[in-house]
C-alpha atoms as a PDB file:
ATOM      1  CA  MET A   1       0.000   0.000   0.000  1.00  0.00           C
ATOM      2  CA  ALA A   2       1.487   3.340  -1.059  1.00  0.00           C
ATOM      3  CA  LYS A   3       1.962   6.008   1.530  1.00  0.00           C
ATOM      4  CA  ALA A   4       0.003   9.194   1.047  1.00  0.00           C
ATOM      5  CA  ALA A   5       2.154  12.100  -0.097  1.00  0.00           C
ATOM      6  CA  ARG A   6       2.858  14.500   2.736  1.00  0.00           C
ATOM      7  CA  ARG A   7       2.014  18.079   1.861  1.00  0.00           C
ATOM      8  CA  GLU A   8       4.544  20.682   2.852  1.00  0.00           C
ATOM      9  CA  ARG A   9       2.920  23.182   5.179  1.00  0.00           C
ATOM     10  CA  LYS A  10       4.435  26.570   4.575  1.00  0.00           C
ATOM     11  CA  VAL A  11       4.077  29.719   6.583  1.00  0.00           C
ATOM     12  CA  LYS A  12       2.749  32.697   4.604  1.00  0.00           C
ATOM     13  CA  VAL A  13       3.616  36.284   5.421  1.00  0.00           C
ATOM     14  CA  ILE A  14       1.322  38.920   3.933  1.00  0.00           C
ATOM     15  CA  VAL A  15       1.867  42.689   4.188  1.00  0.00           C
ATOM     16  CA  ILE A  16      -1.521  44.120   5.143  1.00  0.00           C
ATOM     17  CA  HIS A  17      -0.539  47.747   5.751  1.00  0.00           C
ATOM     18  CA  LYS A  18       2.419  49.928   4.813  1.00  0.00           C
ATOM     19  CA  HIS A  19       2.901  53.540   5.885  1.00  0.00           C
ATOM     20  CA  LYS A  20       6.082  55.635   6.041  1.00  0.00           C
ATOM     21  CA  GLY A  21       8.362  52.613   6.096  1.00  0.00           C
ATOM     22  CA  LYS A  22       6.367  50.816   8.825  1.00  0.00           C
ATOM     23  CA  LEU A  23       4.830  47.444   8.006  1.00  0.00           C
ATOM     24  CA  ILE A  24       2.030  45.453   9.556  1.00  0.00           C
ATOM     25  CA  ARG A  25       2.257  41.822   8.503  1.00  0.00           C
ATOM     26  CA  ALA A  26      -0.109  38.908   8.857  1.00  0.00           C
ATOM     27  CA  VAL A  27       1.611  35.575   9.513  1.00  0.00           C
ATOM     28  CA  VAL A  28      -0.472  32.510   8.616  1.00  0.00           C
ATOM     29  CA  LEU A  29       0.711  29.309  10.348  1.00  0.00           C
ATOM     30  CA  PRO A  30      -0.964  26.130   9.042  1.00  0.00           C
ATOM     31  CA  PRO A  31      -1.256  23.151  11.434  1.00  0.00           C
ATOM     32  CA  GLY A  32       2.123  21.504  12.004  1.00  0.00           C
ATOM     33  CA  SER A  33       4.150  24.365  10.554  1.00  0.00           C
ATOM     34  CA  SER A  34       6.902  26.554  11.953  1.00  0.00           C
ATOM     35  CA  THR A  35       8.535  29.817  10.935  1.00  0.00           C
ATOM     36  CA  GLY A  36      12.013  28.363  11.130  1.00  0.00           C
ATOM     37  CA  ARG A  37      14.742  29.670  13.344  1.00  0.00           C
ATOM     38  CA  HIS A  38      15.273  33.381  12.760  1.00  0.00           C
ATOM     39  CA  ARG A  39      16.649  36.470  14.471  1.00  0.00           C
ATOM     40  CA  GLU A  40      14.434  39.393  15.417  1.00  0.00           C
ATOM     41  CA  SER A  41      16.152  42.774  15.400  1.00  0.00           C
ATOM     42  CA  LYS A  42      13.750  44.559  17.738  1.00  0.00           C
ATOM     43  CA  SER A  43      10.813  43.989  20.051  1.00  0.00           C
ATOM     44  CA  TYR A  44       7.408  43.599  18.446  1.00  0.00           C
ATOM     45  CA  TYR A  45       3.738  43.203  19.242  1.00  0.00           C
ATOM     46  CA  LEU A  46       1.745  40.100  18.238  1.00  0.00           C
ATOM     47  CA  HIS A  47      -2.013  40.100  17.866  1.00  0.00           C
ATOM     48  CA  SER A  48      -3.824  36.777  17.437  1.00  0.00           C
ATOM     49  CA  LEU A  49      -6.744  36.785  15.006  1.00  0.00           C
ATOM     50  CA  THR A  50      -7.708  33.146  15.613  1.00  0.00           C
ATOM     51  CA  GLY A  51      -6.566  32.208  19.136  1.00  0.00           C
ATOM     52  CA  GLY A  52      -5.045  28.895  20.211  1.00  0.00           C
ATOM     53  CA  THR A  53      -1.707  27.638  21.522  1.00  0.00           C
ATOM     54  CA  LEU A  54       1.593  28.723  20.005  1.00  0.00           C
ATOM     55  CA  HIS A  55       4.989  27.247  20.926  1.00  0.00           C
ATOM     56  CA  VAL A  56       7.868  29.738  20.921  1.00  0.00           C
ATOM     57  CA  GLU A  57      11.370  28.257  20.895  1.00  0.00           C
ATOM     58  CA  VAL A  58      13.966  30.778  22.074  1.00  0.00           C
ATOM     59  CA  TYR A  59      17.673  30.189  21.385  1.00  0.00           C
ATOM     60  CA  ARG A  60      20.355  32.253  23.135  1.00  0.00           C
ATOM     61  CA  LYS A  61      24.022  31.936  24.052  1.00  0.00           C
ATOM     62  CA  VAL A  62      24.868  31.742  27.753  1.00  0.00           C
ATOM     63  CA  ARG A  63      28.586  31.691  28.592  1.00  0.00           C
ATOM     64  CA  GLY A  64      29.396  30.488  25.077  1.00  0.00           C
ATOM     65  CA  LYS A  65      26.894  27.618  25.097  1.00  0.00           C
ATOM     66  CA  GLU A  66      23.595  27.628  23.267  1.00  0.00           C
ATOM     67  CA  GLN A  67      20.529  27.436  25.467  1.00  0.00           C
ATOM     68  CA  LYS A  68      17.031  26.595  24.227  1.00  0.00           C
ATOM     69  CA  THR A  69      13.842  27.415  26.092  1.00  0.00           C
ATOM     70  CA  VAL A  70      10.287  26.706  24.964  1.00  0.00           C
ATOM     71  CA  GLU A  71       7.447  29.042  25.858  1.00  0.00           C
ATOM     72  CA  VAL A  72       3.879  27.854  25.381  1.00  0.00           C
ATOM     73  CA  ARG A  73       1.624  30.822  24.697  1.00  0.00           C
ATOM     74  CA  LYS A  74      -2.125  30.449  24.998  1.00  0.00           C
ATOM     75  CA  LEU A  75      -3.358  33.156  22.665  1.00  0.00           C
ATOM     76  CA  LYS A  76      -6.870  34.464  23.004  1.00  0.00           C
ATOM     77  CA  ARG A  77      -8.702  35.591  19.908  1.00  0.00           C
ATOM     78  CA  LEU A  78      -8.173  39.308  19.207  1.00  0.00           C
ATOM     79  CA  GLU A  79      -5.792  39.736  22.145  1.00  0.00           C
ATOM     80  CA  GLY A  80      -2.098  40.303  21.807  1.00  0.00           C
ATOM     81  CA  TYR A  81       1.142  40.441  23.691  1.00  0.00           C
ATOM     82  CA  GLN A  82       4.446  42.221  23.385  1.00  0.00           C
ATOM     83  CA  ARG A  83       7.521  40.146  22.657  1.00  0.00           C
ATOM     84  CA  ASN A  84      10.774  41.671  23.897  1.00  0.00           C
ATOM     85  CA  VAL A  85      13.912  40.303  22.298  1.00  0.00           C
ATOM     86  CA  GLY A  86      17.516  40.711  23.323  1.00  0.00           C
ATOM     87  CA  ARG A  87      20.687  40.853  21.278  1.00  0.00           C
ATOM     88  CA  GLY A  88      21.714  37.559  19.732  1.00  0.00           C
ATOM     89  CA  VAL A  89      18.371  35.867  20.390  1.00  0.00           C
ATOM     90  CA  GLU A  90      16.790  33.646  17.748  1.00  0.00           C
ATOM     91  CA  ILE A  91      13.224  32.349  17.804  1.00  0.00           C
ATOM     92  CA  ASN A  92      11.101  29.723  16.084  1.00  0.00           C
ATOM     93  CA  LEU A  93       7.292  29.858  16.202  1.00  0.00           C
ATOM     94  CA  LYS A  94       5.576  26.445  15.987  1.00  0.00           C
ATOM     95  CA  ASN A  95       1.933  25.622  15.488  1.00  0.00           C
ATOM     96  CA  LYS A  96       1.393  22.185  17.030  1.00  0.00           C
ATOM     97  CA  SER A  97      -2.392  22.440  16.972  1.00  0.00           C
ATOM     98  CA  ARG A  98      -4.866  21.127  14.404  1.00  0.00           C
ATOM     99  CA  SER A  99      -6.094  24.568  13.359  1.00  0.00           C
ATOM    100  CA  TYR A 100      -4.566  27.538  11.574  1.00  0.00           C
ATOM    101  CA  HIS A 101      -3.025  30.441  13.480  1.00  0.00           C
ATOM    102  CA  VAL A 102      -3.187  33.919  12.024  1.00  0.00           C
ATOM    103  CA  ILE A 103      -1.216  36.575  13.869  1.00  0.00           C
ATOM    104  CA  THR A 104      -0.434  40.156  12.997  1.00  0.00           C
ATOM    105  CA  LYS A 105       2.953  41.597  13.669  1.00  0.00           C
ATOM    106  CA  GLY A 106       3.891  45.236  13.618  1.00  0.00           C
END
């Protein structure tokens, strides 16, 4: 019996507003997807349009060794939170739920 082909679940980033060099982006996370490990240059504000649980993996160097922490955020629909980032910190957002997450970032 042939195995069903696994569809790649990609994160989509859509610019929903642009004004004087400032962007507001919508990030669409399908079930089972992740943004991939990336560095954020400054603090930002996330607003959840759908609600649900989001796993945030944070990677930082402590005394020359890499340290990973996982934060589980329970996002309420239409509520947001501020994410403060430090220098040299990388993050990875994971959607481990069965539903889509749509968050705005600005």
